[in-house]
PDB file of N, CA and C in Angstrom:
ATOM      1  N   MET A   1      68.617  95.061 115.047  1.00  0.00           N
ATOM      2  CA  MET A   1      69.435  95.643 116.075  1.00  0.00           C
ATOM      3  C   MET A   1      70.891  95.678 115.635  1.00  0.00           C
ATOM      4  N   LEU A   2      71.575  96.753 115.999  1.00  0.00           N
ATOM      5  CA  LEU A   2      72.973  96.954 115.655  1.00  0.00           C
ATOM      6  C   LEU A   2      73.885  96.494 116.787  1.00  0.00           C
ATOM      7  N   SER A   3      75.040  95.963 116.415  1.00  0.00           N
ATOM      8  CA  SER A   3      76.057  95.648 117.411  1.00  0.00           C
ATOM      9  C   SER A   3      77.431  95.816 116.776  1.00  0.00           C
ATOM     10  N   VAL A   4      78.431  96.017 117.629  1.00  0.00           N
ATOM     11  CA  VAL A   4      79.812  96.159 117.157  1.00  0.00           C
ATOM     12  C   VAL A   4      80.669  95.099 117.834  1.00  0.00           C
ATOM     13  N   SER A   5      81.579  94.516 117.076  1.00  0.00           N
ATOM     14  CA  SER A   5      82.451  93.463 117.594  1.00  0.00           C
ATOM     15  C   SER A   5      83.648  94.074 118.320  1.00  0.00           C
ATOM     16  N   ASP A   6      84.366  93.230 119.028  1.00  0.00           N
ATOM     17  CA  ASP A   6      85.668  93.581 119.571  1.00  0.00           C
ATOM     18  C   ASP A   6      86.695  93.319 118.471  1.00  0.00           C
ATOM     19  N   ALA A   7      87.913  93.874 118.634  1.00  0.00           N
ATOM     20  CA  ALA A   7      88.957  93.674 117.632  1.00  0.00           C
ATOM     21  C   ALA A   7      90.321  93.754 118.302  1.00  0.00           C
ATOM     22  N   SER A   8      91.319  93.142 117.668  1.00  0.00           N
ATOM     23  CA  SER A   8      92.684  93.262 118.173  1.00  0.00           C
ATOM     24  C   SER A   8      93.661  93.228 117.006  1.00  0.00           C
ATOM     25  N   ALA A   9      94.806  93.884 117.218  1.00  0.00           N
ATOM     26  CA  ALA A   9      95.860  93.900 116.213  1.00  0.00           C
ATOM     27  C   ALA A   9      97.150  94.356 116.884  1.00  0.00           C
ATOM     28  N   THR A  10      98.249  94.112 116.200  1.00  0.00           N
ATOM     29  CA  THR A  10      99.551  94.559 116.673  1.00  0.00           C
ATOM     30  C   THR A  10      99.691  96.053 116.409  1.00  0.00           C
ATOM     31  N   GLU A  11     100.392  96.715 117.311  1.00  0.00           N
ATOM     32  CA  GLU A  11     100.670  98.142 117.200  1.00  0.00           C
ATOM     33  C   GLU A  11     101.149  98.502 115.791  1.00  0.00           C
ATOM     34  N   GLY A  12     100.587  99.577 115.221  1.00  0.00           N
ATOM     35  CA  GLY A  12     100.934 100.007 113.871  1.00  0.00           C
ATOM     36  C   GLY A  12     100.012  99.445 112.798  1.00  0.00           C
ATOM     37  N   GLU A  13      99.201  98.451 113.153  1.00  0.00           N
ATOM     38  CA  GLU A  13      98.254  97.868 112.201  1.00  0.00           C
ATOM     39  C   GLU A  13      96.865  98.456 112.422  1.00  0.00           C
ATOM     40  N   ARG A  14      95.918  98.054 111.597  1.00  0.00           N
ATOM     41  CA  ARG A  14      94.532  98.492 111.743  1.00  0.00           C
ATOM     42  C   ARG A  14      93.712  97.418 112.451  1.00  0.00           C
ATOM     43  N   LEU A  15      92.878  97.855 113.368  1.00  0.00           N
ATOM     44  CA  LEU A  15      91.940  96.940 114.016  1.00  0.00           C
ATOM     45  C   LEU A  15      90.672  96.917 113.184  1.00  0.00           C
ATOM     46  N   GLU A  16      90.122  95.743 112.938  1.00  0.00           N
ATOM     47  CA  GLU A  16      88.913  95.603 112.129  1.00  0.00           C
ATOM     48  C   GLU A  16      87.711  95.290 113.015  1.00  0.00           C
ATOM     49  N   PHE A  17      86.886  96.311 113.229  1.00  0.00           N
ATOM     50  CA  PHE A  17      85.634  96.153 113.965  1.00  0.00           C
ATOM     51  C   PHE A  17      84.530  95.856 112.957  1.00  0.00           C
ATOM     52  N   VAL A  18      83.589  95.010 113.323  1.00  0.00           N
ATOM     53  CA  VAL A  18      82.449  94.711 112.462  1.00  0.00           C
ATOM     54  C   VAL A  18      81.195  95.265 113.121  1.00  0.00           C
ATOM     55  N   ILE A  19      80.516  96.152 112.391  1.00  0.00           N
ATOM     56  CA  ILE A  19      79.200  96.632 112.818  1.00  0.00           C
ATOM     57  C   ILE A  19      78.195  95.794 112.047  1.00  0.00           C
ATOM     58  N   SER A  20      77.278  95.168 112.767  1.00  0.00           N
ATOM     59  CA  SER A  20      76.348  94.274 112.091  1.00  0.00           C
ATOM     60  C   SER A  20      74.911  94.493 112.552  1.00  0.00           C
ATOM     61  N   LEU A  21      74.004  94.093 111.674  1.00  0.00           N
ATOM     62  CA  LEU A  21      72.572  94.083 111.959  1.00  0.00           C
ATOM     63  C   LEU A  21      72.144  92.631 112.106  1.00  0.00           C
ATOM     64  N   ASN A  22      71.229  92.359 113.027  1.00  0.00           N
ATOM     65  CA  ASN A  22      70.816  90.968 113.237  1.00  0.00           C
ATOM     66  C   ASN A  22      69.737  90.514 112.258  1.00  0.00           C
ATOM     67  N   GLU A  23      69.283  91.411 111.386  1.00  0.00           N
ATOM     68  CA  GLU A  23      68.323  91.029 110.342  1.00  0.00           C
ATOM     69  C   GLU A  23      68.480  91.958 109.154  1.00  0.00           C
ATOM     70  N   ASP A  24      68.039  91.514 107.978  1.00  0.00           N
ATOM     71  CA  ASP A  24      68.119  92.331 106.765  1.00  0.00           C
ATOM     72  C   ASP A  24      67.230  93.560 106.891  1.00  0.00           C
ATOM     73  N   PRO A  25      67.803  94.763 106.755  1.00  0.00           N
ATOM     74  CA  PRO A  25      66.957  95.954 106.785  1.00  0.00           C
ATOM     75  C   PRO A  25      66.259  96.140 105.435  1.00  0.00           C
ATOM     76  N   TYR A  26      65.029  96.605 105.474  1.00  0.00           N
ATOM     77  CA  TYR A  26      64.291  96.882 104.236  1.00  0.00           C
ATOM     78  C   TYR A  26      64.472  98.322 103.788  1.00  0.00           C
ATOM     79  N   ASP A  27      65.126  99.109 104.623  1.00  0.00           N
ATOM     80  CA  ASP A  27      65.372 100.518 104.341  1.00  0.00           C
ATOM     81  C   ASP A  27      66.793 100.841 104.789  1.00  0.00           C
ATOM     82  N   TYR A  28      67.205 102.084 104.597  1.00  0.00           N
ATOM     83  CA  TYR A  28      68.538 102.500 105.001  1.00  0.00           C
ATOM     84  C   TYR A  28      68.665 102.530 106.525  1.00  0.00           C
ATOM     85  N   VAL A  29      69.844 102.160 107.021  1.00  0.00           N
ATOM     86  CA  VAL A  29      70.177 102.252 108.443  1.00  0.00           C
ATOM     87  C   VAL A  29      71.468 103.062 108.532  1.00  0.00           C
ATOM     88  N   VAL A  30      71.491 104.016 109.460  1.00  0.00           N
ATOM     89  CA  VAL A  30      72.649 104.878 109.644  1.00  0.00           C
ATOM     90  C   VAL A  30      73.044 104.835 111.117  1.00  0.00           C
ATOM     91  N   VAL A  31      74.347 104.767 111.382  1.00  0.00           N
ATOM     92  CA  VAL A  31      74.834 104.808 112.767  1.00  0.00           C
ATOM     93  C   VAL A  31      76.199 105.509 112.788  1.00  0.00           C
ATOM     94  N   ASP A  32      76.391 106.374 113.780  1.00  0.00           N
ATOM     95  CA  ASP A  32      77.681 107.032 113.971  1.00  0.00           C
ATOM     96  C   ASP A  32      78.578 106.153 114.826  1.00  0.00           C
ATOM     97  N   TYR A  33      79.890 106.316 114.663  1.00  0.00           N
ATOM     98  CA  TYR A  33      80.856 105.615 115.492  1.00  0.00           C
ATOM     99  C   TYR A  33      82.024 106.547 115.788  1.00  0.00           C
ATOM    100  N   ASP A  34      82.663 106.329 116.937  1.00  0.00           N
ATOM    101  CA  ASP A  34      83.781 107.164 117.342  1.00  0.00           C
ATOM    102  C   ASP A  34      84.695 106.380 118.275  1.00  0.00           C
ATOM    103  N   VAL A  35      85.971 106.716 118.256  1.00  0.00           N
ATOM    104  CA  VAL A  35      86.959 106.097 119.132  1.00  0.00           C
ATOM    105  C   VAL A  35      86.977 106.831 120.472  1.00  0.00           C
ATOM    106  N   GLU A  36      87.038 106.071 121.556  1.00  0.00           N
ATOM    107  CA  GLU A  36      87.189 106.632 122.899  1.00  0.00           C
ATOM    108  C   GLU A  36      88.387 105.983 123.577  1.00  0.00           C
ATOM    109  N   ALA A  37      89.156 106.792 124.284  1.00  0.00           N
ATOM    110  CA  ALA A  37      90.364 106.319 124.963  1.00  0.00           C
ATOM    111  C   ALA A  37      90.033 105.323 126.060  1.00  0.00           C
ATOM    112  N   GLY A  38      90.990 104.473 126.310  1.00  0.00           N
ATOM    113  CA  GLY A  38      90.982 103.569 127.461  1.00  0.00           C
ATOM    114  C   GLY A  38      92.388 103.663 128.015  1.00  0.00           C
ATOM    115  N   THR A  39      93.076 102.518 128.116  1.00  0.00           N
ATOM    116  CA  THR A  39      94.491 102.589 128.465  1.00  0.00           C
ATOM    117  C   THR A  39      95.307 103.062 127.266  1.00  0.00           C
ATOM    118  N   ALA A  40      94.771 102.930 126.060  1.00  0.00           N
ATOM    119  CA  ALA A  40      95.374 103.490 124.848  1.00  0.00           C
ATOM    120  C   ALA A  40      94.875 104.929 124.691  1.00  0.00           C
ATOM    121  N   GLU A  41      95.802 105.852 124.457  1.00  0.00           N
ATOM    122  CA  GLU A  41      95.442 107.253 124.309  1.00  0.00           C
ATOM    123  C   GLU A  41      95.133 107.584 122.847  1.00  0.00           C
ATOM    124  N   VAL A  42      94.050 108.319 122.641  1.00  0.00           N
ATOM    125  CA  VAL A  42      93.685 108.767 121.301  1.00  0.00           C
ATOM    126  C   VAL A  42      94.685 109.845 120.879  1.00  0.00           C
ATOM    127  N   GLY A  43      95.248 109.689 119.689  1.00  0.00           N
ATOM    128  CA  GLY A  43      96.250 110.611 119.178  1.00  0.00           C
ATOM    129  C   GLY A  43      97.673 110.205 119.520  1.00  0.00           C
ATOM    130  N   VAL A  44      97.826 109.238 120.437  1.00  0.00           N
ATOM    131  CA  VAL A  44      99.143 108.738 120.832  1.00  0.00           C
ATOM    132  C   VAL A  44      99.289 107.268 120.433  1.00  0.00           C
ATOM    133  N   ASP A  45      98.303 106.450 120.797  1.00  0.00           N
ATOM    134  CA  ASP A  45      98.334 105.011 120.513  1.00  0.00           C
ATOM    135  C   ASP A  45      97.396 104.605 119.383  1.00  0.00           C
ATOM    136  N   VAL A  46      96.304 105.341 119.245  1.00  0.00           N
ATOM    137  CA  VAL A  46      95.304 105.085 118.205  1.00  0.00           C
ATOM    138  C   VAL A  46      94.911 106.438 117.607  1.00  0.00           C
ATOM    139  N   HIS A  47      94.723 106.458 116.285  1.00  0.00           N
ATOM    140  CA  HIS A  47      94.355 107.708 115.619  1.00  0.00           C
ATOM    141  C   HIS A  47      92.959 108.164 116.030  1.00  0.00           C
ATOM    142  N   ARG A  48      92.747 109.484 116.051  1.00  0.00           N
ATOM    143  CA  ARG A  48      91.388 110.015 116.214  1.00  0.00           C
ATOM    144  C   ARG A  48      90.604 109.484 115.021  1.00  0.00           C
ATOM    145  N   PHE A  49      89.467 108.898 115.287  1.00  0.00           N
ATOM    146  CA  PHE A  49      88.770 108.211 114.211  1.00  0.00           C
ATOM    147  C   PHE A  49      87.283 108.167 114.522  1.00  0.00           C
ATOM    148  N   GLY A  50      86.482 108.497 113.557  1.00  0.00           N
ATOM    149  CA  GLY A  50      85.043 108.437 113.710  1.00  0.00           C
ATOM    150  C   GLY A  50      84.388 108.615 112.356  1.00  0.00           C
ATOM    151  N   GLY A  51      83.091 108.420 112.328  1.00  0.00           N
ATOM    152  CA  GLY A  51      82.374 108.565 111.075  1.00  0.00           C
ATOM    153  C   GLY A  51      80.960 108.055 111.183  1.00  0.00           C
ATOM    154  N   THR A  52      80.390 107.798 110.020  1.00  0.00           N
ATOM    155  CA  THR A  52      79.019 107.309 109.930  1.00  0.00           C
ATOM    156  C   THR A  52      78.999 106.095 109.018  1.00  0.00           C
ATOM    157  N   ALA A  53      78.359 105.037 109.474  1.00  0.00           N
ATOM    158  CA  ALA A  53      78.174 103.830 108.658  1.00  0.00           C
ATOM    159  C   ALA A  53      76.770 103.871 108.067  1.00  0.00           C
ATOM    160  N   LEU A  54      76.689 103.717 106.759  1.00  0.00           N
ATOM    161  CA  LEU A  54      75.403 103.697 106.054  1.00  0.00           C
ATOM    162  C   LEU A  54      75.180 102.299 105.503  1.00  0.00           C
ATOM    163  N   PHE A  55      74.124 101.660 105.975  1.00  0.00           N
ATOM    164  CA  PHE A  55      73.730 100.344 105.481  1.00  0.00           C
ATOM    165  C   PHE A  55      72.666 100.529 104.413  1.00  0.00           C
ATOM    166  N   GLN A  56      72.882  99.936 103.254  1.00  0.00           N
ATOM    167  CA  GLN A  56      71.894  99.929 102.182  1.00  0.00           C
ATOM    168  C   GLN A  56      70.820  98.904 102.545  1.00  0.00           C
ATOM    169  N   PRO A  57      69.648  98.967 101.927  1.00  0.00           N
ATOM    170  CA  PRO A  57      68.649  97.922 102.166  1.00  0.00           C
ATOM    171  C   PRO A  57      69.260  96.522 101.937  1.00  0.00           C
ATOM    172  N   PHE A  58      68.999  95.615 102.845  1.00  0.00           N
ATOM    173  CA  PHE A  58      69.453  94.224 102.831  1.00  0.00           C
ATOM    174  C   PHE A  58      70.948  94.037 103.122  1.00  0.00           C
ATOM    175  N   GLU A  59      71.662  95.104 103.461  1.00  0.00           N
ATOM    176  CA  GLU A  59      73.069  94.997 103.856  1.00  0.00           C
ATOM    177  C   GLU A  59      73.134  94.815 105.376  1.00  0.00           C
ATOM    178  N   VAL A  60      73.934  93.871 105.855  1.00  0.00           N
ATOM    179  CA  VAL A  60      73.925  93.559 107.290  1.00  0.00           C
ATOM    180  C   VAL A  60      75.284  93.688 107.980  1.00  0.00           C
ATOM    181  N   ARG A  61      76.323  94.093 107.239  1.00  0.00           N
ATOM    182  CA  ARG A  61      77.665  94.099 107.829  1.00  0.00           C
ATOM    183  C   ARG A  61      78.510  95.222 107.247  1.00  0.00           C
ATOM    184  N   LYS A  62      79.207  95.935 108.137  1.00  0.00           N
ATOM    185  CA  LYS A  62      80.186  96.953 107.744  1.00  0.00           C
ATOM    186  C   LYS A  62      81.463  96.705 108.527  1.00  0.00           C
ATOM    187  N   VAL A  63      82.610  96.805 107.873  1.00  0.00           N
ATOM    188  CA  VAL A  63      83.898  96.664 108.548  1.00  0.00           C
ATOM    189  C   VAL A  63      84.499  98.058 108.701  1.00  0.00           C
ATOM    190  N   ILE A  64      84.860  98.399 109.940  1.00  0.00           N
ATOM    191  CA  ILE A  64      85.482  99.681 110.244  1.00  0.00           C
ATOM    192  C   ILE A  64      86.928  99.389 110.630  1.00  0.00           C
ATOM    193  N   ARG A  65      87.874  99.948 109.883  1.00  0.00           N
ATOM    194  CA  ARG A  65      89.303  99.707 110.111  1.00  0.00           C
ATOM    195  C   ARG A  65      89.916 100.913 110.813  1.00  0.00           C
ATOM    196  N   VAL A  66      90.272 100.738 112.070  1.00  0.00           N
ATOM    197  CA  VAL A  66      90.806 101.827 112.889  1.00  0.00           C
ATOM    198  C   VAL A  66      92.326 101.704 112.951  1.00  0.00           C
ATOM    199  N   PRO A  67      93.057 102.730 112.458  1.00  0.00           N
ATOM    200  CA  PRO A  67      94.513 102.667 112.467  1.00  0.00           C
ATOM    201  C   PRO A  67      95.107 102.960 113.844  1.00  0.00           C
ATOM    202  N   THR A  68      96.162 102.207 114.177  1.00  0.00           N
ATOM    203  CA  THR A  68      96.896 102.443 115.413  1.00  0.00           C
ATOM    204  C   THR A  68      98.237 103.082 115.074  1.00  0.00           C
ATOM    205  N   ILE A  69      98.908 103.583 116.091  1.00  0.00           N
ATOM    206  CA  ILE A  69     100.165 104.304 115.895  1.00  0.00           C
ATOM    207  C   ILE A  69     101.313 103.466 116.452  1.00  0.00           C
ATOM    208  N   ARG A  70     102.304 103.195 115.603  1.00  0.00           N
ATOM    209  CA  ARG A  70     103.484 102.418 116.023  1.00  0.00           C
ATOM    210  C   ARG A  70     104.463 103.359 116.722  1.00  0.00           C
ATOM    211  N   ASP A  71     105.065 102.871 117.789  1.00  0.00           N
ATOM    212  CA  ASP A  71     106.131 103.609 118.468  1.00  0.00           C
ATOM    213  C   ASP A  71     107.171 102.612 118.952  1.00  0.00           C
ATOM    214  N   SER A  72     108.231 103.109 119.586  1.00  0.00           N
ATOM    215  CA  SER A  72     109.292 102.210 120.061  1.00  0.00           C
ATOM    216  C   SER A  72     109.287 102.091 121.585  1.00  0.00           C
ATOM    217  N   VAL A  73     108.180 102.467 122.213  1.00  0.00           N
ATOM    218  CA  VAL A  73     108.055 102.414 123.664  1.00  0.00           C
ATOM    219  C   VAL A  73     107.485 101.060 124.080  1.00  0.00           C
ATOM    220  N   LYS A  74     108.114 100.433 125.052  1.00  0.00           N
ATOM    221  CA  LYS A  74     107.601  99.154 125.577  1.00  0.00           C
ATOM    222  C   LYS A  74     106.422  99.489 126.497  1.00  0.00           C
ATOM    223  N   GLU A  75     105.194  99.126 126.089  1.00  0.00           N
ATOM    224  CA  GLU A  75     103.989  99.551 126.800  1.00  0.00           C
ATOM    225  C   GLU A  75     103.113  98.415 127.298  1.00  0.00           C
ATOM    226  N   GLY A  76     103.234  97.279 126.728  1.00  0.00           N
ATOM    227  CA  GLY A  76     102.298  96.213 127.048  1.00  0.00           C
ATOM    228  C   GLY A  76     101.023  96.384 126.238  1.00  0.00           C
ATOM    229  N   THR A  77     100.050  95.562 126.519  1.00  0.00           N
ATOM    230  CA  THR A  77      98.775  95.600 125.805  1.00  0.00           C
ATOM    231  C   THR A  77      97.946  96.793 126.272  1.00  0.00           C
ATOM    232  N   GLU A  78      97.327  97.497 125.321  1.00  0.00           N
ATOM    233  CA  GLU A  78      96.485  98.654 125.634  1.00  0.00           C
ATOM    234  C   GLU A  78      95.125  98.487 124.964  1.00  0.00           C
ATOM    235  N   THR A  79      94.111  99.152 125.500  1.00  0.00           N
ATOM    236  CA  THR A  79      92.765  99.046 124.938  1.00  0.00           C
ATOM    237  C   THR A  79      92.127 100.422 124.747  1.00  0.00           C
ATOM    238  N   PHE A  80      91.169 100.455 123.842  1.00  0.00           N
ATOM    239  CA  PHE A  80      90.320 101.621 123.608  1.00  0.00           C
ATOM    240  C   PHE A  80      88.956 101.094 123.177  1.00  0.00           C
ATOM    241  N   SER A  81      88.008 101.989 122.959  1.00  0.00           N
ATOM    242  CA  SER A  81      86.655 101.573 122.562  1.00  0.00           C
ATOM    243  C   SER A  81      86.247 102.199 121.244  1.00  0.00           C
ATOM    244  N   LEU A  82      85.472 101.465 120.457  1.00  0.00           N
ATOM    245  CA  LEU A  82      84.748 102.014 119.310  1.00  0.00           C
ATOM    246  C   LEU A  82      83.288 102.022 119.736  1.00  0.00           C
ATOM    247  N   VAL A  83      82.696 103.209 119.792  1.00  0.00           N
ATOM    248  CA  VAL A  83      81.365 103.370 120.365  1.00  0.00           C
ATOM    249  C   VAL A  83      80.367 103.799 119.294  1.00  0.00           C
ATOM    250  N   LEU A  84      79.235 103.097 119.241  1.00  0.00           N
ATOM    251  CA  LEU A  84      78.143 103.435 118.321  1.00  0.00           C
ATOM    252  C   LEU A  84      77.197 104.427 118.987  1.00  0.00           C
ATOM    253  N   SER A  85      76.629 105.343 118.171  1.00  0.00           N
ATOM    254  CA  SER A  85      75.646 106.303 118.683  1.00  0.00           C
ATOM    255  C   SER A  85      74.764 106.789 117.540  1.00  0.00           C
ATOM    256  N   LYS A  86      73.701 107.466 117.892  1.00  0.00           N
ATOM    257  CA  LYS A  86      72.804 108.145 116.941  1.00  0.00           C
ATOM    258  C   LYS A  86      72.367 107.251 115.780  1.00  0.00           C
ATOM    259  N   ALA A  87      71.777 106.134 116.091  1.00  0.00           N
ATOM    260  CA  ALA A  87      71.293 105.219 115.051  1.00  0.00           C
ATOM    261  C   ALA A  87      69.954 105.690 114.505  1.00  0.00           C
ATOM    262  N   SER A  88      69.767 105.476 113.213  1.00  0.00           N
ATOM    263  CA  SER A  88      68.507 105.757 112.552  1.00  0.00           C
ATOM    264  C   SER A  88      68.137 104.539 111.712  1.00  0.00           C
ATOM    265  N   GLY A  89      66.927 104.029 111.892  1.00  0.00           N
ATOM    266  CA  GLY A  89      66.475 102.869 111.142  1.00  0.00           C
ATOM    267  C   GLY A  89      66.669 101.557 111.877  1.00  0.00           C
ATOM    268  N   ALA A  90      67.347 101.598 113.022  1.00  0.00           N
ATOM    269  CA  ALA A  90      67.567 100.407 113.850  1.00  0.00           C
ATOM    270  C   ALA A  90      67.957 100.876 115.248  1.00  0.00           C
ATOM    271  N   THR A  91      67.835  99.979 116.214  1.00  0.00           N
ATOM    272  CA  THR A  91      68.267 100.303 117.571  1.00  0.00           C
ATOM    273  C   THR A  91      69.635  99.670 117.825  1.00  0.00           C
ATOM    274  N   ILE A  92      70.354 100.235 118.778  1.00  0.00           N
ATOM    275  CA  ILE A  92      71.681  99.732 119.116  1.00  0.00           C
ATOM    276  C   ILE A  92      71.552  98.735 120.264  1.00  0.00           C
ATOM    277  N   GLU A  93      72.023  97.523 120.028  1.00  0.00           N
ATOM    278  CA  GLU A  93      71.997  96.489 121.053  1.00  0.00           C
ATOM    279  C   GLU A  93      73.330  96.443 121.819  1.00  0.00           C
ATOM    280  N   LYS A  94      74.446  96.408 121.099  1.00  0.00           N
ATOM    281  CA  LYS A  94      75.783  96.415 121.721  1.00  0.00           C
ATOM    282  C   LYS A  94      76.528  97.606 121.155  1.00  0.00           C
ATOM    283  N   LYS A  95      76.655  98.663 121.957  1.00  0.00           N
ATOM    284  CA  LYS A  95      77.181  99.917 121.446  1.00  0.00           C
ATOM    285  C   LYS A  95      78.692 100.062 121.545  1.00  0.00           C
ATOM    286  N   THR A  96      79.374  99.212 122.327  1.00  0.00           N
ATOM    287  CA  THR A  96      80.808  99.382 122.540  1.00  0.00           C
ATOM    288  C   THR A  96      81.586  98.141 122.132  1.00  0.00           C
ATOM    289  N   GLY A  97      82.559  98.361 121.255  1.00  0.00           N
ATOM    290  CA  GLY A  97      83.511  97.320 120.889  1.00  0.00           C
ATOM    291  C   GLY A  97      84.854  97.650 121.512  1.00  0.00           C
ATOM    292  N   ILE A  98      85.509  96.672 122.105  1.00  0.00           N
ATOM    293  CA  ILE A  98      86.815  96.881 122.736  1.00  0.00           C
ATOM    294  C   ILE A  98      87.921  96.570 121.729  1.00  0.00           C
ATOM    295  N   GLY A  99      88.801  97.554 121.531  1.00  0.00           N
ATOM    296  CA  GLY A  99      89.962  97.380 120.670  1.00  0.00           C
ATOM    297  C   GLY A  99      91.183  97.110 121.510  1.00  0.00           C
ATOM    298  N   THR A 100      91.894  96.046 121.190  1.00  0.00           N
ATOM    299  CA  THR A 100      93.094  95.673 121.923  1.00  0.00           C
ATOM    300  C   THR A 100      94.319  95.836 121.025  1.00  0.00           C
ATOM    301  N   ILE A 101      95.269  96.661 121.483  1.00  0.00           N
ATOM    302  CA  ILE A 101      96.503  96.894 120.738  1.00  0.00           C
ATOM    303  C   ILE A 101      97.609  96.085 121.413  1.00  0.00           C
ATOM    304  N   LEU A 102      98.200  95.173 120.663  1.00  0.00           N
ATOM    305  CA  LEU A 102      99.278  94.321 121.175  1.00  0.00           C
ATOM    306  C   LEU A 102     100.624  94.997 120.886  1.00  0.00           C
ATOM    307  N   ASP A 103     101.418  95.215 121.913  1.00  0.00           N
ATOM    308  CA  ASP A 103     102.695  95.894 121.766  1.00  0.00           C
ATOM    309  C   ASP A 103     103.671  95.032 120.965  1.00  0.00           C
ATOM    310  N   ASP A 104     104.447  95.666 120.097  1.00  0.00           N
ATOM    311  CA  ASP A 104     105.413  94.922 119.277  1.00  0.00           C
ATOM    312  C   ASP A 104     106.859  95.199 119.692  1.00  0.00           C
ATOM    313  N   ASP A 105     107.061  95.877 120.809  1.00  0.00           N
ATOM    314  CA  ASP A 105     108.428  96.214 121.255  1.00  0.00           C
ATOM    315  C   ASP A 105     108.948  95.217 122.271  1.00  0.00           C
TER     316      ASP A 105
END
């Protein structure tokens, strides 16, 4: 089963989400991921970001680094989601990871 972790970082840095499998796959596993807005706006606070994670046989962990956008606006803490979809070779157990952007202003 696939799951994605939560992540946090200061504005302007990359958030590191971990997509993991709970057991060693004997074959390839593929899963799509995409950023969805929350209180953080896509294209304003966090870059538009998505792709496909390919797990090789016996690989159980992928790190996805999502870049955030630095600005000089005092905003407070903001959040967005990294969402898993369209898995092949495994099922998705936890499809949403919460990204927390800590304001540096």
